[in-house]
Amino acid sequence: MNVKNLAYIAGLIIADGHIRRDYGILIYIKDKQFREKVKNKLTKFTKNKISDKYRNGVNEVYFTDKSFATLIMQKFKIPMGNKAAKIELSSNLTSFEKIHLIEGYFDGDGSIYPRKMRTSSGNLGVYWELKFKSKSIRFLRQCKVFIKSQQIKSSDIRRYMGQVPYFVISRREDIARFYKIFKPIRKLGPSTRWG
């Protein structure tokens, strides 16, 4: 079994998917090319038909496989149904599994974007910010602690009324280190060009 791909898929399910009561697995993916990569990864774990459809501006990848769904739920502590506030980064996972789960989670629900700021000389500069968000404060804290264990600094968790809690990584060297260790395949940032 490919543990790397399994953990990555679990991260995607945590970010933008769910496990239904009939053991159906749904993952929502906006990008068509990325959808094909995900389907290719899934073929390594199930012989059942993997379908996709485009609905409301989002591609859905879905299939039903009781043994795969049970494995994902047990190993990665992903509950059936509405999971948003219940997820956690299982302490039973190895560091290798956590790295690839966080890769999948970031590709599904993370973001990286440029921010403008005024430098001390008065010029307008640009820096990058990488954002993790989750309705599960517990999961967010666990990700933050694990990312810190990889010598990557991040902000405190921020919670504002009506917004999903989040933390950010904004120092250039920390973003570069994040991409060096975690290697997300979809949300590439400037660090991929930093060498």
Protein backbone atom coordinates (compact mmCIF):
# COMPACT_ATOMS: atom_id res chain seq x y z
CA MET A 1 0.00 0.00 0.00
CA ASN A 2 1.26 3.46 -0.91
CA VAL A 3 1.22 5.21 2.47
CA LYS A 4 2.22 8.56 0.96
CA ASN A 5 -0.75 8.65 -1.44
CA LEU A 6 -3.14 7.29 1.21
CA ALA A 7 -2.22 10.09 3.64
CA TYR A 8 -2.44 12.67 0.85
CA ILE A 9 -5.96 11.50 -0.09
CA ALA A 10 -6.98 11.59 3.60
CA GLY A 11 -5.82 15.22 3.72
CA LEU A 12 -7.92 16.07 0.67
CA ILE A 13 -10.98 14.41 2.21
CA ILE A 14 -10.45 16.39 5.44
CA ALA A 15 -10.14 19.62 3.43
CA ASP A 16 -12.79 19.33 0.75
CA GLY A 17 -14.62 16.05 0.96
CA HIS A 18 -16.64 13.74 3.11
CA ILE A 19 -17.53 10.12 3.73
CA ARG A 20 -21.22 9.33 3.34
CA ARG A 21 -23.26 6.82 5.33
CA ASP A 22 -23.20 4.41 2.38
CA TYR A 23 -19.35 4.50 2.45
CA GLY A 24 -19.30 6.77 -0.55
CA ILE A 25 -16.36 9.15 -0.71
CA LEU A 26 -16.77 12.59 -2.26
CA ILE A 27 -13.93 15.03 -2.93
CA TYR A 28 -14.66 18.49 -4.38
CA ILE A 29 -12.01 19.75 -6.79
CA LYS A 30 -12.17 22.98 -8.81
CA ASP A 31 -9.23 22.32 -11.12
CA LYS A 32 -9.74 19.79 -13.95
CA GLN A 33 -6.08 18.76 -14.26
CA PHE A 34 -5.78 18.28 -10.52
CA ARG A 35 -8.96 16.18 -10.57
CA GLU A 36 -7.28 13.74 -13.00
CA LYS A 37 -4.23 13.46 -10.71
CA VAL A 38 -6.48 12.68 -7.76
CA LYS A 39 -8.44 10.07 -9.72
CA ASN A 40 -5.15 8.46 -10.74
CA LYS A 41 -4.06 8.26 -7.09
CA LEU A 42 -7.42 6.75 -6.11
CA THR A 43 -7.14 3.93 -8.69
CA LYS A 44 -4.33 2.51 -6.55
CA PHE A 45 -6.79 1.93 -3.67
CA THR A 46 -10.04 0.76 -5.24
CA LYS A 47 -11.21 -1.38 -8.12
CA ASN A 48 -14.61 0.30 -7.98
CA LYS A 49 -15.59 2.89 -10.56
CA ILE A 50 -14.36 6.40 -9.80
CA SER A 51 -16.78 8.93 -11.26
CA ASP A 52 -16.69 12.67 -11.60
CA LYS A 53 -19.13 15.36 -12.51
CA TYR A 54 -19.17 19.12 -12.78
CA ARG A 55 -21.80 20.83 -10.67
CA ASN A 56 -22.15 24.41 -9.40
CA GLY A 57 -18.68 25.38 -10.59
CA VAL A 58 -16.93 22.48 -8.87
CA ASN A 59 -15.77 19.07 -10.01
CA GLU A 60 -16.82 16.21 -7.76
CA VAL A 61 -14.85 12.98 -7.64
CA TYR A 62 -16.79 10.17 -6.01
CA PHE A 63 -16.85 6.42 -5.52
CA THR A 64 -18.16 3.90 -3.02
CA ASP A 65 -15.83 1.42 -1.33
CA LYS A 66 -16.60 0.20 2.18
CA SER A 67 -13.13 -1.21 2.90
CA PHE A 68 -11.35 1.95 1.73
CA ALA A 69 -13.76 4.25 3.59
CA THR A 70 -13.34 2.17 6.76
CA LEU A 71 -9.54 2.29 6.45
CA ILE A 72 -9.58 6.10 6.03
CA MET A 73 -11.98 6.59 8.95
CA GLN A 74 -10.02 4.34 11.32
CA LYS A 75 -6.46 5.28 10.39
CA PHE A 76 -6.95 9.03 9.97
CA LYS A 77 -9.82 9.57 12.44
CA ILE A 78 -12.13 11.07 9.81
CA PRO A 79 -15.78 10.77 10.89
CA MET A 80 -18.67 10.00 8.56
CA GLY A 81 -20.98 12.79 7.54
CA ASN A 82 -20.51 16.35 8.76
CA LYS A 83 -16.92 16.37 9.98
CA ALA A 84 -15.85 20.02 9.80
CA ALA A 85 -15.47 20.72 13.52
CA LYS A 86 -14.59 17.14 14.53
CA ILE A 87 -11.41 16.39 12.61
CA GLU A 88 -8.03 15.90 14.23
CA LEU A 89 -4.46 15.07 13.28
CA SER A 90 -4.22 11.60 14.78
CA SER A 91 -1.30 11.10 17.19
CA ASN A 92 -1.03 7.51 15.88
CA LEU A 93 0.31 8.72 12.54
CA THR A 94 4.01 8.73 11.73
CA SER A 95 5.75 12.00 10.82
CA PHE A 96 5.86 10.76 7.21
CA GLU A 97 2.07 10.25 7.20
CA LYS A 98 1.47 13.65 8.82
CA ILE A 99 3.60 15.39 6.20
CA HIS A 100 1.61 13.88 3.33
CA LEU A 101 -1.75 14.40 5.03
CA ILE A 102 -0.90 18.09 5.50
CA GLU A 103 0.18 18.26 1.82
CA GLY A 104 -3.24 16.98 0.78
CA TYR A 105 -5.02 19.24 3.23
CA PHE A 106 -3.12 22.30 2.00
CA ASP A 107 -3.81 21.43 -1.65
CA GLY A 108 -7.49 21.12 -0.80
CA ASP A 109 -8.07 24.01 1.58
CA GLY A 110 -4.90 26.05 1.99
CA SER A 111 -3.86 29.15 0.08
CA ILE A 112 -0.83 31.18 -0.85
CA TYR A 113 -1.05 34.74 -2.07
CA PRO A 114 1.01 37.95 -2.36
CA ARG A 115 0.62 40.76 0.18
CA LYS A 116 1.77 44.33 -0.36
CA MET A 117 3.54 46.35 2.30
CA ARG A 118 5.42 49.60 2.60
CA THR A 119 9.14 49.09 3.28
CA SER A 120 11.17 51.23 5.68
CA SER A 121 12.50 53.16 2.66
CA GLY A 122 8.94 54.00 1.60
CA ASN A 123 8.87 51.67 -1.41
CA LEU A 124 6.01 49.27 -1.99
CA GLY A 125 7.17 45.69 -1.45
CA VAL A 126 5.50 42.32 -1.86
CA TYR A 127 5.72 39.35 0.45
CA TRP A 128 3.94 36.01 0.33
CA GLU A 129 1.62 34.56 2.90
CA LEU A 130 0.61 30.93 3.23
CA LYS A 131 -2.70 30.32 5.04
CA PHE A 132 -4.12 27.26 6.81
CA LYS A 133 -7.75 27.35 7.89
CA SER A 134 -10.15 24.91 9.52
CA LYS A 135 -13.38 24.95 11.52
CA SER A 136 -11.68 22.45 13.83
CA ILE A 137 -9.49 24.46 16.21
CA ARG A 138 -8.04 21.19 17.50
CA PHE A 139 -6.92 20.13 14.01
CA LEU A 140 -5.52 23.60 13.32
CA ARG A 141 -3.51 23.55 16.57
CA GLN A 142 -2.20 20.06 15.85
CA CYS A 143 -1.10 21.08 12.33
CA LYS A 144 0.56 24.21 13.72
CA VAL A 145 2.46 22.19 16.36
CA PHE A 146 3.59 19.62 13.79
CA ILE A 147 4.67 22.32 11.31
CA LYS A 148 6.62 23.99 14.14
CA SER A 149 8.35 20.65 14.81
CA GLN A 150 9.71 20.94 11.26
CA GLN A 151 11.37 24.27 12.22
CA ILE A 152 8.75 26.38 10.44
CA LYS A 153 7.41 29.44 12.27
CA SER A 154 3.80 30.56 11.91
CA SER A 155 1.44 33.13 13.41
CA ASP A 156 -0.91 32.50 16.30
CA ILE A 157 -4.29 31.05 15.38
CA ARG A 158 -6.62 33.92 14.51
CA ARG A 159 -10.37 33.83 15.06
CA TYR A 160 -12.68 36.57 13.86
CA MET A 161 -16.46 36.66 14.09
CA GLY A 162 -18.05 34.94 11.09
CA GLN A 163 -14.72 33.69 9.69
CA VAL A 164 -13.06 30.29 9.71
CA PRO A 165 -10.09 30.20 12.15
CA TYR A 166 -6.65 30.24 10.53
CA PHE A 167 -2.92 30.70 10.95
CA VAL A 168 -0.36 31.96 8.45
CA ILE A 169 3.25 31.37 7.51
CA SER A 170 4.72 34.56 6.11
CA ARG A 171 8.50 34.66 6.47
CA ARG A 172 10.21 33.87 3.17
CA GLU A 173 12.52 31.26 4.70
CA ASP A 174 9.62 29.53 6.48
CA ILE A 175 7.54 29.35 3.29
CA ALA A 176 10.55 28.01 1.41
CA ARG A 177 11.07 25.36 4.10
CA PHE A 178 7.36 24.44 4.02
CA TYR A 179 7.55 23.77 0.28
CA LYS A 180 10.81 21.85 0.68
CA ILE A 181 9.34 19.50 3.32
CA PHE A 182 5.66 19.24 2.39
CA LYS A 183 5.77 19.57 -1.41
CA PRO A 184 2.10 20.26 -2.25
CA ILE A 185 1.38 19.35 -5.88
CA ARG A 186 -1.36 21.86 -6.65
CA LYS A 187 -0.77 25.11 -4.78
CA LEU A 188 2.75 25.99 -5.83
CA GLY A 189 4.19 29.16 -4.41
CA PRO A 190 7.14 31.46 -5.00
CA SER A 191 9.36 29.20 -2.91
CA THR A 192 9.44 26.73 -5.81
CA ARG A 193 11.49 29.37 -7.64
CA TRP A 194 13.69 30.32 -4.70
CA GLY A 195 16.01 27.35 -5.11
